[in-house]
Amino acid sequence: MPEVGGAVVIDYLGSTARGVVSSVDQDARRLEVETEDGRTLTFELNRATATFTADGSQTGPRLSFETPGSG
């Protein structure tokens, strides 16, 4: 379950970036992430793939959650 302050990795095609969850909607299907470079990105749970993707699209950046001690 995503939570504010949780570390994430944003997977772009061919590169990755790190970030932190800055907000989570009440239903936990939409969240905002602040990246290392200060950008704020919105991710939405994609029902077809059960992954968080940029604005819920089928393509584009995907989000994965880091577990403590894995970064």
PDB file of N, CA and C in Angstrom:
ATOM      1  N   MET A   1       0.839  -1.169   0.000  1.00  0.00           N
ATOM      2  CA  MET A   1       0.000   0.000   0.000  1.00  0.00           C
ATOM      3  C   MET A   1       0.890   1.240   0.000  1.00  0.00           C
ATOM      4  N   PRO A   2       0.690   2.148  -0.957  1.00  0.00           N
ATOM      5  CA  PRO A   2       1.524   3.349  -0.977  1.00  0.00           C
ATOM      6  C   PRO A   2       1.274   4.239   0.229  1.00  0.00           C
ATOM      7  N   GLU A   3       2.331   4.886   0.696  1.00  0.00           N
ATOM      8  CA  GLU A   3       2.177   5.813   1.814  1.00  0.00           C
ATOM      9  C   GLU A   3       3.086   7.019   1.611  1.00  0.00           C
ATOM     10  N   VAL A   4       2.653   8.152   2.136  1.00  0.00           N
ATOM     11  CA  VAL A   4       3.423   9.388   2.024  1.00  0.00           C
ATOM     12  C   VAL A   4       4.790   9.187   2.657  1.00  0.00           C
ATOM     13  N   GLY A   5       5.819   9.616   1.946  1.00  0.00           N
ATOM     14  CA  GLY A   5       7.191   9.475   2.421  1.00  0.00           C
ATOM     15  C   GLY A   5       7.876   8.223   1.921  1.00  0.00           C
ATOM     16  N   GLY A   6       7.127   7.327   1.281  1.00  0.00           N
ATOM     17  CA  GLY A   6       7.702   6.091   0.772  1.00  0.00           C
ATOM     18  C   GLY A   6       8.600   6.340  -0.431  1.00  0.00           C
ATOM     19  N   ALA A   7       9.711   5.625  -0.489  1.00  0.00           N
ATOM     20  CA  ALA A   7      10.658   5.754  -1.600  1.00  0.00           C
ATOM     21  C   ALA A   7      10.156   4.962  -2.798  1.00  0.00           C
ATOM     22  N   VAL A   8      10.330   5.551  -3.993  1.00  0.00           N
ATOM     23  CA  VAL A   8       9.885   4.903  -5.218  1.00  0.00           C
ATOM     24  C   VAL A   8      10.958   5.033  -6.295  1.00  0.00           C
ATOM     25  N   VAL A   9      10.831   4.177  -7.298  1.00  0.00           N
ATOM     26  CA  VAL A   9      11.660   4.259  -8.492  1.00  0.00           C
ATOM     27  C   VAL A   9      10.721   4.456  -9.671  1.00  0.00           C
ATOM     28  N   ILE A  10      11.019   5.457 -10.490  1.00  0.00           N
ATOM     29  CA  ILE A  10      10.244   5.727 -11.693  1.00  0.00           C
ATOM     30  C   ILE A  10      11.015   5.119 -12.852  1.00  0.00           C
ATOM     31  N   ASP A  11      10.355   4.199 -13.547  1.00  0.00           N
ATOM     32  CA  ASP A  11      10.996   3.473 -14.633  1.00  0.00           C
ATOM     33  C   ASP A  11      10.549   4.053 -15.970  1.00  0.00           C
ATOM     34  N   TYR A  12      11.450   4.823 -16.575  1.00  0.00           N
ATOM     35  CA  TYR A  12      11.234   5.346 -17.926  1.00  0.00           C
ATOM     36  C   TYR A  12      11.820   4.322 -18.887  1.00  0.00           C
ATOM     37  N   LEU A  13      11.493   4.411 -20.127  1.00  0.00           N
ATOM     38  CA  LEU A  13      12.075   3.518 -21.115  1.00  0.00           C
ATOM     39  C   LEU A  13      13.574   3.794 -21.202  1.00  0.00           C
ATOM     40  N   GLY A  14      14.383   2.903 -20.678  1.00  0.00           N
ATOM     41  CA  GLY A  14      15.829   3.049 -20.763  1.00  0.00           C
ATOM     42  C   GLY A  14      16.504   3.777 -19.623  1.00  0.00           C
ATOM     43  N   SER A  15      15.752   4.323 -18.674  1.00  0.00           N
ATOM     44  CA  SER A  15      16.378   4.993 -17.532  1.00  0.00           C
ATOM     45  C   SER A  15      15.441   4.955 -16.330  1.00  0.00           C
ATOM     46  N   THR A  16      16.001   5.268 -15.177  1.00  0.00           N
ATOM     47  CA  THR A  16      15.201   5.308 -13.952  1.00  0.00           C
ATOM     48  C   THR A  16      15.506   6.582 -13.187  1.00  0.00           C
ATOM     49  N   ALA A  17      14.588   6.937 -12.325  1.00  0.00           N
ATOM     50  CA  ALA A  17      14.774   8.087 -11.435  1.00  0.00           C
ATOM     51  C   ALA A  17      14.185   7.716 -10.084  1.00  0.00           C
ATOM     52  N   ARG A  18      14.689   8.320  -9.050  1.00  0.00           N
ATOM     53  CA  ARG A  18      14.170   8.073  -7.702  1.00  0.00           C
ATOM     54  C   ARG A  18      13.259   9.206  -7.286  1.00  0.00           C
ATOM     55  N   GLY A  19      12.353   8.880  -6.378  1.00  0.00           N
ATOM     56  CA  GLY A  19      11.436   9.889  -5.871  1.00  0.00           C
ATOM     57  C   GLY A  19      10.840   9.470  -4.545  1.00  0.00           C
ATOM     58  N   VAL A  20       9.953  10.316  -4.038  1.00  0.00           N
ATOM     59  CA  VAL A  20       9.275  10.077  -2.765  1.00  0.00           C
ATOM     60  C   VAL A  20       7.792  10.386  -2.966  1.00  0.00           C
ATOM     61  N   VAL A  21       6.939   9.532  -2.429  1.00  0.00           N
ATOM     62  CA  VAL A  21       5.505   9.766  -2.502  1.00  0.00           C
ATOM     63  C   VAL A  21       5.175  10.990  -1.659  1.00  0.00           C
ATOM     64  N   SER A  22       4.534  11.993  -2.289  1.00  0.00           N
ATOM     65  CA  SER A  22       4.201  13.222  -1.561  1.00  0.00           C
ATOM     66  C   SER A  22       2.724  13.302  -1.188  1.00  0.00           C
ATOM     67  N   SER A  23       1.862  12.565  -1.896  1.00  0.00           N
ATOM     68  CA  SER A  23       0.450  12.503  -1.516  1.00  0.00           C
ATOM     69  C   SER A  23      -0.191  11.252  -2.093  1.00  0.00           C
ATOM     70  N   VAL A  24      -1.201  10.766  -1.369  1.00  0.00           N
ATOM     71  CA  VAL A  24      -1.954   9.582  -1.785  1.00  0.00           C
ATOM     72  C   VAL A  24      -3.428   9.910  -1.637  1.00  0.00           C
ATOM     73  N   ASP A  25      -4.205   9.686  -2.711  1.00  0.00           N
ATOM     74  CA  ASP A  25      -5.648   9.884  -2.614  1.00  0.00           C
ATOM     75  C   ASP A  25      -6.242   8.899  -1.619  1.00  0.00           C
ATOM     76  N   GLN A  26      -7.421   9.223  -1.133  1.00  0.00           N
ATOM     77  CA  GLN A  26      -8.067   8.410  -0.109  1.00  0.00           C
ATOM     78  C   GLN A  26      -8.255   6.954  -0.535  1.00  0.00           C
ATOM     79  N   ASP A  27      -8.557   6.731  -1.811  1.00  0.00           N
ATOM     80  CA  ASP A  27      -8.764   5.354  -2.277  1.00  0.00           C
ATOM     81  C   ASP A  27      -7.464   4.662  -2.680  1.00  0.00           C
ATOM     82  N   ALA A  28      -6.337   5.361  -2.572  1.00  0.00           N
ATOM     83  CA  ALA A  28      -4.986   4.844  -2.855  1.00  0.00           C
ATOM     84  C   ALA A  28      -4.812   4.421  -4.311  1.00  0.00           C
ATOM     85  N   ARG A  29      -5.622   4.971  -5.214  1.00  0.00           N
ATOM     86  CA  ARG A  29      -5.484   4.658  -6.639  1.00  0.00           C
ATOM     87  C   ARG A  29      -4.721   5.739  -7.406  1.00  0.00           C
ATOM     88  N   ARG A  30      -4.518   6.873  -6.788  1.00  0.00           N
ATOM     89  CA  ARG A  30      -3.821   7.986  -7.433  1.00  0.00           C
ATOM     90  C   ARG A  30      -2.854   8.589  -6.425  1.00  0.00           C
ATOM     91  N   LEU A  31      -1.642   8.871  -6.874  1.00  0.00           N
ATOM     92  CA  LEU A  31      -0.666   9.463  -5.970  1.00  0.00           C
ATOM     93  C   LEU A  31       0.251  10.417  -6.713  1.00  0.00           C
ATOM     94  N   GLU A  32       0.883  11.269  -5.961  1.00  0.00           N
ATOM     95  CA  GLU A  32       1.867  12.206  -6.511  1.00  0.00           C
ATOM     96  C   GLU A  32       3.230  11.847  -5.958  1.00  0.00           C
ATOM     97  N   VAL A  33       4.218  12.011  -6.820  1.00  0.00           N
ATOM     98  CA  VAL A  33       5.598  11.694  -6.465  1.00  0.00           C
ATOM     99  C   VAL A  33       6.456  12.913  -6.753  1.00  0.00           C
ATOM    100  N   GLU A  34       7.319  13.263  -5.810  1.00  0.00           N
ATOM    101  CA  GLU A  34       8.303  14.308  -6.044  1.00  0.00           C
ATOM    102  C   GLU A  34       9.627  13.634  -6.387  1.00  0.00           C
ATOM    103  N   THR A  35      10.158  13.978  -7.544  1.00  0.00           N
ATOM    104  CA  THR A  35      11.396  13.361  -8.004  1.00  0.00           C
ATOM    105  C   THR A  35      12.616  14.026  -7.378  1.00  0.00           C
ATOM    106  N   GLU A  36      13.769  13.405  -7.564  1.00  0.00           N
ATOM    107  CA  GLU A  36      15.025  13.954  -7.042  1.00  0.00           C
ATOM    108  C   GLU A  36      15.300  15.363  -7.557  1.00  0.00           C
ATOM    109  N   ASP A  37      14.862  15.630  -8.786  1.00  0.00           N
ATOM    110  CA  ASP A  37      15.117  16.953  -9.361  1.00  0.00           C
ATOM    111  C   ASP A  37      14.000  17.956  -9.083  1.00  0.00           C
ATOM    112  N   GLY A  38      13.048  17.590  -8.205  1.00  0.00           N
ATOM    113  CA  GLY A  38      12.027  18.525  -7.761  1.00  0.00           C
ATOM    114  C   GLY A  38      10.735  18.546  -8.559  1.00  0.00           C
ATOM    115  N   ARG A  39      10.638  17.729  -9.599  1.00  0.00           N
ATOM    116  CA  ARG A  39       9.390  17.675 -10.367  1.00  0.00           C
ATOM    117  C   ARG A  39       8.344  16.872  -9.607  1.00  0.00           C
ATOM    118  N   THR A  40       7.085  17.221  -9.813  1.00  0.00           N
ATOM    119  CA  THR A  40       5.983  16.468  -9.234  1.00  0.00           C
ATOM    120  C   THR A  40       5.258  15.745 -10.355  1.00  0.00           C
ATOM    121  N   LEU A  41       5.156  14.428 -10.235  1.00  0.00           N
ATOM    122  CA  LEU A  41       4.489  13.602 -11.237  1.00  0.00           C
ATOM    123  C   LEU A  41       3.286  12.911 -10.604  1.00  0.00           C
ATOM    124  N   THR A  42       2.241  12.713 -11.391  1.00  0.00           N
ATOM    125  CA  THR A  42       1.037  12.028 -10.925  1.00  0.00           C
ATOM    126  C   THR A  42       1.003  10.624 -11.514  1.00  0.00           C
ATOM    127  N   PHE A  43       0.738   9.654 -10.665  1.00  0.00           N
ATOM    128  CA  PHE A  43       0.608   8.262 -11.090  1.00  0.00           C
ATOM    129  C   PHE A  43      -0.753   7.741 -10.668  1.00  0.00           C
ATOM    130  N   GLU A  44      -1.310   6.893 -11.507  1.00  0.00           N
ATOM    131  CA  GLU A  44      -2.622   6.336 -11.243  1.00  0.00           C
ATOM    132  C   GLU A  44      -2.557   4.825 -11.425  1.00  0.00           C
ATOM    133  N   LEU A  45      -3.287   4.112 -10.599  1.00  0.00           N
ATOM    134  CA  LEU A  45      -3.303   2.658 -10.693  1.00  0.00           C
ATOM    135  C   LEU A  45      -4.005   2.258 -11.980  1.00  0.00           C
ATOM    136  N   ASN A  46      -3.299   1.530 -12.821  1.00  0.00           N
ATOM    137  CA  ASN A  46      -3.848   1.051 -14.081  1.00  0.00           C
ATOM    138  C   ASN A  46      -4.551  -0.272 -13.812  1.00  0.00           C
ATOM    139  N   ARG A  47      -5.837  -0.326 -14.060  1.00  0.00           N
ATOM    140  CA  ARG A  47      -6.622  -1.537 -13.750  1.00  0.00           C
ATOM    141  C   ARG A  47      -6.187  -2.740 -14.576  1.00  0.00           C
ATOM    142  N   ALA A  48      -5.781  -2.518 -15.803  1.00  0.00           N
ATOM    143  CA  ALA A  48      -5.406  -3.627 -16.687  1.00  0.00           C
ATOM    144  C   ALA A  48      -4.103  -4.301 -16.260  1.00  0.00           C
ATOM    145  N   THR A  49      -3.153  -3.498 -15.734  1.00  0.00           N
ATOM    146  CA  THR A  49      -1.840  -4.053 -15.403  1.00  0.00           C
ATOM    147  C   THR A  49      -1.563  -4.121 -13.905  1.00  0.00           C
ATOM    148  N   ALA A  50      -2.428  -3.516 -13.099  1.00  0.00           N
ATOM    149  CA  ALA A  50      -2.258  -3.471 -11.640  1.00  0.00           C
ATOM    150  C   ALA A  50      -0.935  -2.815 -11.237  1.00  0.00           C
ATOM    151  N   THR A  51      -0.492  -1.843 -12.045  1.00  0.00           N
ATOM    152  CA  THR A  51       0.706  -1.077 -11.728  1.00  0.00           C
ATOM    153  C   THR A  51       0.355   0.405 -11.760  1.00  0.00           C
ATOM    154  N   PHE A  52       1.157   1.207 -11.069  1.00  0.00           N
ATOM    155  CA  PHE A  52       0.983   2.646 -11.121  1.00  0.00           C
ATOM    156  C   PHE A  52       1.732   3.168 -12.343  1.00  0.00           C
ATOM    157  N   THR A  53       1.018   3.863 -13.220  1.00  0.00           N
ATOM    158  CA  THR A  53       1.614   4.433 -14.417  1.00  0.00           C
ATOM    159  C   THR A  53       1.295   5.927 -14.471  1.00  0.00           C
ATOM    160  N   ALA A  54       2.095   6.669 -15.220  1.00  0.00           N
ATOM    161  CA  ALA A  54       1.886   8.106 -15.339  1.00  0.00           C
ATOM    162  C   ALA A  54       0.491   8.370 -15.872  1.00  0.00           C
ATOM    163  N   ASP A  55      -0.318   9.031 -15.086  1.00  0.00           N
ATOM    164  CA  ASP A  55      -1.701   9.376 -15.430  1.00  0.00           C
ATOM    165  C   ASP A  55      -2.560   8.164 -15.799  1.00  0.00           C
ATOM    166  N   GLY A  56      -2.153   6.964 -15.384  1.00  0.00           N
ATOM    167  CA  GLY A  56      -2.953   5.766 -15.618  1.00  0.00           C
ATOM    168  C   GLY A  56      -2.908   5.225 -17.033  1.00  0.00           C
ATOM    169  N   SER A  57      -1.981   5.725 -17.841  1.00  0.00           N
ATOM    170  CA  SER A  57      -1.919   5.305 -19.241  1.00  0.00           C
ATOM    171  C   SER A  57      -1.325   3.905 -19.383  1.00  0.00           C
ATOM    172  N   GLN A  58      -1.513   3.326 -20.548  1.00  0.00           N
ATOM    173  CA  GLN A  58      -0.948   1.999 -20.823  1.00  0.00           C
ATOM    174  C   GLN A  58       0.558   2.076 -21.054  1.00  0.00           C
ATOM    175  N   THR A  59       1.018   3.227 -21.527  1.00  0.00           N
ATOM    176  CA  THR A  59       2.444   3.403 -21.818  1.00  0.00           C
ATOM    177  C   THR A  59       2.994   4.525 -20.945  1.00  0.00           C
ATOM    178  N   GLY A  60       4.278   4.700 -20.980  1.00  0.00           N
ATOM    179  CA  GLY A  60       4.900   5.769 -20.212  1.00  0.00           C
ATOM    180  C   GLY A  60       5.533   5.264 -18.932  1.00  0.00           C
ATOM    181  N   PRO A  61       5.985   6.184 -18.104  1.00  0.00           N
ATOM    182  CA  PRO A  61       6.683   5.811 -16.876  1.00  0.00           C
ATOM    183  C   PRO A  61       5.837   4.946 -15.945  1.00  0.00           C
ATOM    184  N   ARG A  62       6.498   3.989 -15.301  1.00  0.00           N
ATOM    185  CA  ARG A  62       5.862   3.099 -14.331  1.00  0.00           C
ATOM    186  C   ARG A  62       6.543   3.296 -12.982  1.00  0.00           C
ATOM    187  N   LEU A  63       5.801   3.031 -11.959  1.00  0.00           N
ATOM    188  CA  LEU A  63       6.281   3.269 -10.606  1.00  0.00           C
ATOM    189  C   LEU A  63       6.488   1.940  -9.889  1.00  0.00           C
ATOM    190  N   SER A  64       7.591   1.828  -9.168  1.00  0.00           N
ATOM    191  CA  SER A  64       7.780   0.679  -8.281  1.00  0.00           C
ATOM    192  C   SER A  64       8.181   1.215  -6.906  1.00  0.00           C
ATOM    193  N   PHE A  65       7.848   0.464  -5.903  1.00  0.00           N
ATOM    194  CA  PHE A  65       8.080   0.892  -4.520  1.00  0.00           C
ATOM    195  C   PHE A  65       9.302   0.193  -3.970  1.00  0.00           C
ATOM    196  N   GLU A  66      10.167   0.974  -3.333  1.00  0.00           N
ATOM    197  CA  GLU A  66      11.359   0.417  -2.701  1.00  0.00           C
ATOM    198  C   GLU A  66      10.998  -0.107  -1.316  1.00  0.00           C
ATOM    199  N   THR A  67      11.601  -1.207  -0.966  1.00  0.00           N
ATOM    200  CA  THR A  67      11.433  -1.709   0.392  1.00  0.00           C
ATOM    201  C   THR A  67      12.593  -1.178   1.226  1.00  0.00           C
ATOM    202  N   PRO A  68      12.373  -0.956   2.514  1.00  0.00           N
ATOM    203  CA  PRO A  68      13.467  -0.445   3.356  1.00  0.00           C
ATOM    204  C   PRO A  68      14.725  -1.305   3.215  1.00  0.00           C
ATOM    205  N   GLY A  69      15.845  -0.637   3.000  1.00  0.00           N
ATOM    206  CA  GLY A  69      17.116  -1.336   2.874  1.00  0.00           C
ATOM    207  C   GLY A  69      17.462  -1.746   1.465  1.00  0.00           C
ATOM    208  N   SER A  70      16.554  -1.507   0.492  1.00  0.00           N
ATOM    209  CA  SER A  70      16.847  -1.930  -0.877  1.00  0.00           C
ATOM    210  C   SER A  70      17.465  -0.832  -1.718  1.00  0.00           C
ATOM    211  N   GLY A  71      17.467   0.420  -1.215  1.00  0.00           N
ATOM    212  CA  GLY A  71      17.962   1.531  -2.035  1.00  0.00           C
ATOM    213  C   GLY A  71      19.349   1.823  -1.717  1.00  0.00           C
TER     214      GLY A  71
END
